[in-house]
Amino acid sequence: NVIIFGETGAGKSSVINLLAGKEVAEIASTSMGCTFQSSCYPMMVAGSLFTIFDTAGLNEGDPKTMNKSNAIRQLYQLITSLKGGVSLLLFCMRAPRIKDSHVQNWRLFQEIICAEKVPIAIIITGLENEDGSMDNWWVENRDNFEHQGMRPAGHACVTATKGKKRGDRYLFAEEYAESRAKVQQLIVKCALQKPWVVPKLKWFAETGFLCIRNKIIRKEVLIQMMEKCAMNEE
């Protein structure tokens, strides 16, 4: 199981379609705010079966604490429903710059949601017009990620669009094919051989504590989350 996350508009659905080699995920045209409702897409990647779970992250500039608690509650329900565990997190972001919400999402998933038990890789989209190789973007921006404490297990600089059709071919057909190979290789390289399976109550207890300590949610909001998840304080 692979979880791909990022803001609305980051290109998650397009990356899933890129991986699948056809359109299987609907591409959102409007921002849905802060939610962790997810869709799953089983597909073959380099000869192995993976299930890709598409989620949204915390969007930039959304101050509503209850929205965040709903998001974490829904993610709790997703994580604990994956009987086969989680093998990889894929953080999808759109170039050209790192935003505060990118750092917030990274920390939420890596440090809090998966307790640094699952590798996280980055897919940077929107690089079809990059001068020279799309990989140049990472060379120029790697230090910015390091400065923010974002140290991925791997990365892929890609385009998730074929571009407009010109005659019998698409404008970015070559870059698109290259991008598909990159993302496939990234998943195979970074995914855990033995997936991380979370103990439900321990996960919720530790996540709740970290969310309060990091001021993501308040204690009373955590109690509301517990009630919605049909859990008691004990």
Foldseek 3Di string as FASTA:
>chain_A
DEEEEEFQPLCQQLLVCLQQVHRDGDRDPDGPAQAFDWDWDWHAFPNDIDIYIYGYHHDPPDPDLLSLLRRVLVVLVVQQVPPQAYFEYEYGGEDDDDDPRSLVRQCCVCCQQCNVPYFYEYEYEDQLPPPDDLCVRCVVCVVVCVVSVNDGPYYARAYSDQDDDDPPGGPSVVRSNVRNNRVSVVCVVRTHPRHDRDDSVVSLVRNLVVCCVVVSHHPVSSCVSCVVVVHDPD
